[in-house]
Amino acid sequence: MKIIASFVLLLWLCNGAMFAVNGTLTDLGDRYLLHVWGNHYERGHALGYLMGDQIMTVFRDYFFISVVSNNVNVYNSYLQYYQDHYVTDARYIQEIQGIVAGMQESQTDMYHQRFKTAICMRMICSLLTLWWILQ
């Protein structure tokens, strides 16, 4: 009986640890208040988990259209330029990995029609950096 109880407790603890979100999202009516904590990965995970749909909406409806003119070839050119000239700090890579993992865990639809694929960590990293460079 002790073995079964220990096993159930272990499963419960592991399940809770796998789905822990280090953040809260408060709807203030006309905007959201996001509070995250933890290391870079944990903060990114919370952001992706709590705001995955909003991230994809901004990406699809604003960012991809305004920054790369809704053109995969333009995106690929910018991506190549980024890869040739910049190195992304490991902390930001961890945070973006957390964002993607959080979005996947919350079952956010990450498919992009123009790319014909799901948005991945490399795309988010390069696009965020390109957006910052082009501002």
N, C-alpha and C. Protein backbone atom coordinates (compact mmCIF):
# COMPACT_ATOMS: atom_id res chain seq x y z
N MET A 1 0.82 -1.19 0.00
CA MET A 1 0.00 0.00 0.00
C MET A 1 0.87 1.27 0.00
N LYS A 2 1.99 1.21 0.77
CA LYS A 2 2.90 2.36 0.80
C LYS A 2 3.50 2.63 -0.57
N ILE A 3 3.80 1.56 -1.30
CA ILE A 3 4.40 1.70 -2.63
C ILE A 3 3.41 2.39 -3.57
N ILE A 4 2.16 1.98 -3.51
CA ILE A 4 1.15 2.59 -4.38
C ILE A 4 0.96 4.06 -4.01
N ALA A 5 0.87 4.37 -2.73
CA ALA A 5 0.71 5.76 -2.29
C ALA A 5 1.91 6.60 -2.70
N SER A 6 3.11 6.04 -2.57
CA SER A 6 4.31 6.77 -2.98
C SER A 6 4.31 7.03 -4.48
N PHE A 7 3.89 6.04 -5.24
CA PHE A 7 3.84 6.18 -6.70
C PHE A 7 2.83 7.25 -7.11
N VAL A 8 1.66 7.24 -6.48
CA VAL A 8 0.63 8.24 -6.78
C VAL A 8 1.13 9.64 -6.42
N LEU A 9 1.80 9.77 -5.28
CA LEU A 9 2.35 11.07 -4.86
C LEU A 9 3.41 11.53 -5.85
N LEU A 10 4.27 10.63 -6.28
CA LEU A 10 5.32 10.98 -7.25
C LEU A 10 4.70 11.43 -8.58
N LEU A 11 3.70 10.72 -9.06
CA LEU A 11 3.02 11.13 -10.30
C LEU A 11 2.38 12.51 -10.15
N TRP A 12 1.74 12.75 -9.02
CA TRP A 12 1.09 14.03 -8.78
C TRP A 12 2.12 15.16 -8.75
N LEU A 13 3.25 14.93 -8.09
CA LEU A 13 4.30 15.95 -8.02
C LEU A 13 4.91 16.21 -9.39
N CYS A 14 5.17 15.15 -10.15
CA CYS A 14 5.75 15.31 -11.49
C CYS A 14 4.78 16.04 -12.41
N ASN A 15 3.51 15.69 -12.33
CA ASN A 15 2.51 16.35 -13.17
C ASN A 15 2.44 17.84 -12.84
N GLY A 16 2.47 18.19 -11.59
CA GLY A 16 2.45 19.59 -11.18
C GLY A 16 3.69 20.32 -11.62
N ALA A 17 4.85 19.68 -11.55
CA ALA A 17 6.09 20.32 -11.96
C ALA A 17 6.14 20.53 -13.47
N MET A 18 5.56 19.59 -14.23
CA MET A 18 5.58 19.72 -15.68
C MET A 18 4.71 20.87 -16.16
N PHE A 19 3.65 21.18 -15.43
CA PHE A 19 2.71 22.17 -15.89
C PHE A 19 2.72 23.44 -15.04
N ALA A 20 3.78 23.66 -14.28
CA ALA A 20 3.88 24.87 -13.48
C ALA A 20 4.09 26.06 -14.40
N VAL A 21 3.37 27.13 -14.15
CA VAL A 21 3.50 28.36 -14.92
C VAL A 21 3.91 29.46 -13.96
N ASN A 22 5.06 30.04 -14.20
CA ASN A 22 5.58 31.09 -13.33
C ASN A 22 5.07 32.45 -13.78
N GLY A 23 3.78 32.63 -13.69
CA GLY A 23 3.22 33.91 -14.08
C GLY A 23 1.73 33.98 -13.87
N THR A 24 1.24 35.21 -13.93
CA THR A 24 -0.20 35.46 -13.86
C THR A 24 -0.56 36.46 -14.95
N LEU A 25 -1.76 36.34 -15.45
CA LEU A 25 -2.27 37.25 -16.46
C LEU A 25 -3.60 37.79 -15.97
N THR A 26 -3.66 39.10 -15.83
CA THR A 26 -4.86 39.76 -15.34
C THR A 26 -5.47 40.58 -16.48
N ASP A 27 -6.74 40.36 -16.74
CA ASP A 27 -7.46 41.11 -17.76
C ASP A 27 -7.99 42.39 -17.12
N LEU A 28 -7.49 43.53 -17.58
CA LEU A 28 -7.90 44.83 -17.04
C LEU A 28 -8.97 45.49 -17.92
N GLY A 29 -9.56 44.74 -18.80
CA GLY A 29 -10.60 45.27 -19.68
C GLY A 29 -10.03 45.69 -21.01
N ASP A 30 -9.31 46.80 -21.06
CA ASP A 30 -8.76 47.28 -22.32
C ASP A 30 -7.32 46.85 -22.54
N ARG A 31 -6.74 46.13 -21.58
CA ARG A 31 -5.37 45.63 -21.70
C ARG A 31 -5.16 44.50 -20.68
N TYR A 32 -4.02 43.84 -20.81
CA TYR A 32 -3.66 42.76 -19.90
C TYR A 32 -2.47 43.19 -19.05
N LEU A 33 -2.42 42.67 -17.84
CA LEU A 33 -1.26 42.85 -16.98
C LEU A 33 -0.63 41.48 -16.79
N LEU A 34 0.60 41.32 -17.29
CA LEU A 34 1.33 40.06 -17.20
C LEU A 34 2.41 40.19 -16.15
N HIS A 35 2.45 39.27 -15.22
CA HIS A 35 3.49 39.23 -14.19
C HIS A 35 4.16 37.86 -14.27
N VAL A 36 5.46 37.83 -14.58
CA VAL A 36 6.20 36.57 -14.69
C VAL A 36 7.39 36.61 -13.75
N TRP A 37 7.86 35.44 -13.36
CA TRP A 37 9.02 35.35 -12.49
C TRP A 37 9.78 34.06 -12.81
N GLY A 38 11.00 33.99 -12.32
CA GLY A 38 11.84 32.81 -12.53
C GLY A 38 13.02 33.14 -13.43
N ASN A 39 13.67 32.10 -13.93
CA ASN A 39 14.81 32.31 -14.83
C ASN A 39 14.29 32.65 -16.23
N HIS A 40 15.19 32.84 -17.16
CA HIS A 40 14.79 33.25 -18.51
C HIS A 40 13.82 32.25 -19.14
N TYR A 41 14.14 30.97 -19.05
CA TYR A 41 13.27 29.96 -19.65
C TYR A 41 11.90 29.98 -18.99
N GLU A 42 11.84 30.05 -17.66
CA GLU A 42 10.57 30.02 -16.94
C GLU A 42 9.71 31.24 -17.27
N ARG A 43 10.33 32.40 -17.38
CA ARG A 43 9.58 33.60 -17.74
C ARG A 43 9.04 33.49 -19.16
N GLY A 44 9.88 33.00 -20.08
CA GLY A 44 9.42 32.80 -21.44
C GLY A 44 8.29 31.79 -21.52
N HIS A 45 8.43 30.70 -20.77
CA HIS A 45 7.39 29.67 -20.73
C HIS A 45 6.07 30.27 -20.27
N ALA A 46 6.12 31.07 -19.21
CA ALA A 46 4.90 31.69 -18.70
C ALA A 46 4.28 32.61 -19.75
N LEU A 47 5.11 33.40 -20.41
CA LEU A 47 4.61 34.29 -21.45
C LEU A 47 3.94 33.50 -22.58
N GLY A 48 4.61 32.46 -23.08
CA GLY A 48 4.05 31.65 -24.15
C GLY A 48 2.79 30.93 -23.73
N TYR A 49 2.76 30.42 -22.51
CA TYR A 49 1.60 29.68 -22.02
C TYR A 49 0.40 30.59 -21.82
N LEU A 50 0.64 31.74 -21.21
CA LEU A 50 -0.46 32.64 -20.86
C LEU A 50 -0.93 33.52 -22.02
N MET A 51 -0.03 33.82 -22.96
CA MET A 51 -0.38 34.75 -24.03
C MET A 51 -0.09 34.21 -25.42
N GLY A 52 -0.05 32.90 -25.57
CA GLY A 52 0.28 32.30 -26.85
C GLY A 52 -0.61 32.75 -27.99
N ASP A 53 -1.92 32.79 -27.77
CA ASP A 53 -2.83 33.21 -28.82
C ASP A 53 -2.60 34.67 -29.22
N GLN A 54 -2.36 35.52 -28.23
CA GLN A 54 -2.10 36.93 -28.51
C GLN A 54 -0.78 37.10 -29.26
N ILE A 55 0.23 36.32 -28.89
CA ILE A 55 1.53 36.38 -29.59
C ILE A 55 1.33 36.03 -31.06
N MET A 56 0.59 34.97 -31.34
CA MET A 56 0.39 34.55 -32.72
C MET A 56 -0.47 35.56 -33.49
N THR A 57 -1.44 36.16 -32.82
CA THR A 57 -2.25 37.18 -33.48
C THR A 57 -1.39 38.35 -33.91
N VAL A 58 -0.54 38.84 -33.02
CA VAL A 58 0.35 39.95 -33.36
C VAL A 58 1.31 39.53 -34.46
N PHE A 59 1.84 38.31 -34.36
CA PHE A 59 2.78 37.82 -35.38
C PHE A 59 2.10 37.75 -36.75
N ARG A 60 0.93 37.10 -36.80
CA ARG A 60 0.26 36.89 -38.09
C ARG A 60 -0.33 38.18 -38.66
N ASP A 61 -1.01 38.95 -37.82
CA ASP A 61 -1.79 40.09 -38.31
C ASP A 61 -1.01 41.40 -38.37
N TYR A 62 0.11 41.48 -37.70
CA TYR A 62 0.86 42.72 -37.72
C TYR A 62 2.31 42.50 -38.17
N PHE A 63 3.03 41.71 -37.39
CA PHE A 63 4.47 41.62 -37.59
C PHE A 63 4.86 41.08 -38.95
N PHE A 64 4.33 39.94 -39.31
CA PHE A 64 4.71 39.32 -40.59
C PHE A 64 4.32 40.21 -41.76
N ILE A 65 3.20 40.87 -41.65
CA ILE A 65 2.73 41.74 -42.73
C ILE A 65 3.56 43.01 -42.82
N SER A 66 3.81 43.68 -41.68
CA SER A 66 4.48 44.98 -41.73
C SER A 66 6.00 44.89 -41.84
N VAL A 67 6.62 43.89 -41.25
CA VAL A 67 8.08 43.82 -41.24
C VAL A 67 8.62 43.14 -42.49
N VAL A 68 8.01 42.05 -42.91
CA VAL A 68 8.54 41.33 -44.08
C VAL A 68 7.54 41.34 -45.24
N SER A 69 6.59 42.24 -45.19
CA SER A 69 5.64 42.44 -46.30
C SER A 69 4.90 41.17 -46.70
N ASN A 70 4.65 40.30 -45.72
CA ASN A 70 3.91 39.05 -45.96
C ASN A 70 4.58 38.20 -47.03
N ASN A 71 5.90 38.27 -47.07
CA ASN A 71 6.67 37.61 -48.14
C ASN A 71 7.72 36.70 -47.52
N VAL A 72 7.61 35.42 -47.77
CA VAL A 72 8.55 34.44 -47.22
C VAL A 72 9.96 34.70 -47.73
N ASN A 73 10.11 35.12 -48.99
CA ASN A 73 11.44 35.39 -49.54
C ASN A 73 12.11 36.56 -48.82
N VAL A 74 11.34 37.60 -48.52
CA VAL A 74 11.89 38.74 -47.77
C VAL A 74 12.32 38.26 -46.39
N TYR A 75 11.47 37.45 -45.75
CA TYR A 75 11.82 36.89 -44.44
C TYR A 75 13.13 36.11 -44.54
N ASN A 76 13.26 35.25 -45.55
CA ASN A 76 14.48 34.44 -45.70
C ASN A 76 15.71 35.32 -45.90
N SER A 77 15.57 36.41 -46.62
CA SER A 77 16.69 37.35 -46.82
C SER A 77 17.09 37.98 -45.49
N TYR A 78 16.09 38.45 -44.75
CA TYR A 78 16.38 39.05 -43.44
C TYR A 78 17.00 38.02 -42.49
N LEU A 79 16.48 36.80 -42.53
CA LEU A 79 17.01 35.75 -41.67
C LEU A 79 18.47 35.48 -41.99
N GLN A 80 18.81 35.39 -43.27
CA GLN A 80 20.19 35.15 -43.66
C GLN A 80 21.09 36.28 -43.20
N TYR A 81 20.63 37.51 -43.36
CA TYR A 81 21.41 38.66 -42.90
C TYR A 81 21.63 38.59 -41.38
N TYR A 82 20.57 38.25 -40.66
CA TYR A 82 20.66 38.12 -39.20
C TYR A 82 21.69 37.05 -38.82
N GLN A 83 21.60 35.89 -39.46
CA GLN A 83 22.50 34.79 -39.13
C GLN A 83 23.95 35.12 -39.47
N ASP A 84 24.17 35.91 -40.50
CA ASP A 84 25.52 36.28 -40.91
C ASP A 84 26.14 37.37 -40.03
N HIS A 85 25.33 38.20 -39.39
CA HIS A 85 25.85 39.39 -38.71
C HIS A 85 25.59 39.46 -37.21
N TYR A 86 24.76 38.58 -36.66
CA TYR A 86 24.40 38.69 -35.25
C TYR A 86 24.51 37.36 -34.55
N VAL A 87 24.79 37.44 -33.26
CA VAL A 87 24.78 36.28 -32.38
C VAL A 87 23.81 36.60 -31.26
N THR A 88 22.83 35.75 -31.06
CA THR A 88 21.83 35.97 -30.02
C THR A 88 22.36 35.43 -28.71
N ASP A 89 22.29 36.26 -27.68
CA ASP A 89 22.74 35.89 -26.34
C ASP A 89 21.97 34.65 -25.87
N ALA A 90 22.66 33.75 -25.19
CA ALA A 90 22.07 32.49 -24.73
C ALA A 90 20.86 32.71 -23.83
N ARG A 91 20.85 33.79 -23.06
CA ARG A 91 19.71 34.07 -22.19
C ARG A 91 18.43 34.27 -23.00
N TYR A 92 18.57 34.96 -24.14
CA TYR A 92 17.40 35.22 -24.96
C TYR A 92 16.95 33.97 -25.70
N ILE A 93 17.91 33.14 -26.08
CA ILE A 93 17.57 31.85 -26.69
C ILE A 93 16.75 31.03 -25.70
N GLN A 94 17.19 30.98 -24.45
CA GLN A 94 16.46 30.24 -23.42
C GLN A 94 15.05 30.78 -23.24
N GLU A 95 14.93 32.10 -23.23
CA GLU A 95 13.61 32.70 -23.05
C GLU A 95 12.70 32.36 -24.24
N ILE A 96 13.24 32.41 -25.44
CA ILE A 96 12.43 32.10 -26.62
C ILE A 96 12.08 30.62 -26.66
N GLN A 97 13.00 29.76 -26.23
CA GLN A 97 12.68 28.34 -26.13
C GLN A 97 11.53 28.14 -25.15
N GLY A 98 11.55 28.89 -24.05
CA GLY A 98 10.46 28.83 -23.09
C GLY A 98 9.15 29.32 -23.68
N ILE A 99 9.20 30.40 -24.47
CA ILE A 99 7.98 30.92 -25.12
C ILE A 99 7.36 29.84 -26.00
N VAL A 100 8.19 29.22 -26.84
CA VAL A 100 7.69 28.19 -27.75
C VAL A 100 7.14 27.01 -26.97
N ALA A 101 7.85 26.56 -25.93
CA ALA A 101 7.38 25.42 -25.13
C ALA A 101 6.05 25.76 -24.45
N GLY A 102 5.93 26.98 -23.93
CA GLY A 102 4.68 27.39 -23.29
C GLY A 102 3.53 27.44 -24.28
N MET A 103 3.81 27.94 -25.48
CA MET A 103 2.77 27.99 -26.51
C MET A 103 2.35 26.58 -26.92
N GLN A 104 3.31 25.68 -27.03
CA GLN A 104 2.98 24.30 -27.39
C GLN A 104 2.18 23.64 -26.26
N GLU A 105 2.60 23.89 -25.02
CA GLU A 105 1.92 23.28 -23.88
C GLU A 105 0.48 23.77 -23.75
N SER A 106 0.25 25.04 -24.09
CA SER A 106 -1.12 25.58 -24.00
C SER A 106 -1.92 25.28 -25.27
N GLN A 107 -1.31 24.55 -26.19
CA GLN A 107 -1.93 24.13 -27.45
C GLN A 107 -2.31 25.32 -28.34
N THR A 108 -1.45 26.34 -28.33
CA THR A 108 -1.62 27.48 -29.21
C THR A 108 -1.42 27.02 -30.65
N ASP A 109 -2.27 27.47 -31.54
CA ASP A 109 -2.13 27.17 -32.96
C ASP A 109 -0.97 27.99 -33.51
N MET A 110 0.14 27.34 -33.79
CA MET A 110 1.35 28.03 -34.24
C MET A 110 1.56 27.90 -35.74
N TYR A 111 0.55 27.42 -36.45
CA TYR A 111 0.68 27.25 -37.90
C TYR A 111 0.60 28.61 -38.58
N HIS A 112 1.48 28.82 -39.56
CA HIS A 112 1.45 30.05 -40.34
C HIS A 112 1.18 29.69 -41.79
N GLN A 113 0.12 30.25 -42.35
CA GLN A 113 -0.32 29.91 -43.70
C GLN A 113 0.74 30.18 -44.77
N ARG A 114 1.41 31.32 -44.70
CA ARG A 114 2.40 31.67 -45.73
C ARG A 114 3.64 30.78 -45.65
N PHE A 115 4.05 30.40 -44.42
CA PHE A 115 5.21 29.52 -44.26
C PHE A 115 4.85 28.07 -44.53
N LYS A 116 3.58 27.75 -44.44
CA LYS A 116 3.09 26.37 -44.58
C LYS A 116 3.70 25.46 -43.53
N THR A 117 3.96 26.04 -42.35
CA THR A 117 4.53 25.26 -41.25
C THR A 117 4.21 25.94 -39.94
N ALA A 118 4.46 25.25 -38.86
CA ALA A 118 4.31 25.85 -37.53
C ALA A 118 5.50 26.75 -37.27
N ILE A 119 5.24 27.85 -36.59
CA ILE A 119 6.30 28.77 -36.21
C ILE A 119 7.19 28.07 -35.19
N CYS A 120 8.50 28.14 -35.39
CA CYS A 120 9.43 27.46 -34.50
C CYS A 120 10.29 28.48 -33.76
N MET A 121 11.10 28.00 -32.86
CA MET A 121 11.95 28.86 -32.03
C MET A 121 12.87 29.71 -32.89
N ARG A 122 13.46 29.16 -33.93
CA ARG A 122 14.39 29.91 -34.78
C ARG A 122 13.67 31.07 -35.46
N MET A 123 12.44 30.84 -35.91
CA MET A 123 11.68 31.90 -36.56
C MET A 123 11.35 33.02 -35.58
N ILE A 124 10.89 32.65 -34.40
CA ILE A 124 10.53 33.67 -33.41
C ILE A 124 11.76 34.47 -33.01
N CYS A 125 12.87 33.80 -32.77
CA CYS A 125 14.10 34.48 -32.38
C CYS A 125 14.54 35.46 -33.46
N SER A 126 14.60 35.01 -34.70
CA SER A 126 15.08 35.87 -35.76
C SER A 126 14.10 37.00 -36.03
N LEU A 127 12.81 36.72 -35.97
CA LEU A 127 11.83 37.76 -36.24
C LEU A 127 11.81 38.83 -35.16
N LEU A 128 11.93 38.44 -33.91
CA LEU A 128 11.99 39.43 -32.83
C LEU A 128 13.22 40.31 -32.98
N THR A 129 14.33 39.70 -33.33
CA THR A 129 15.57 40.47 -33.51
C THR A 129 15.45 41.39 -34.73
N LEU A 130 14.89 40.88 -35.82
CA LEU A 130 14.72 41.71 -37.01
C LEU A 130 13.79 42.89 -36.73
N TRP A 131 12.74 42.63 -35.99
CA TRP A 131 11.82 43.72 -35.65
C TRP A 131 12.55 44.81 -34.89
N TRP A 132 13.39 44.40 -33.94
CA TRP A 132 14.14 45.37 -33.14
C TRP A 132 15.13 46.13 -34.02
N ILE A 133 15.82 45.46 -34.93
CA ILE A 133 16.80 46.09 -35.80
C ILE A 133 16.13 47.11 -36.73
N LEU A 134 14.97 46.76 -37.28
CA LEU A 134 14.31 47.58 -38.27
C LEU A 134 13.52 48.76 -37.67
N GLN A 135 13.40 48.81 -36.38
CA GLN A 135 12.64 49.91 -35.75
C GLN A 135 13.41 51.20 -35.75
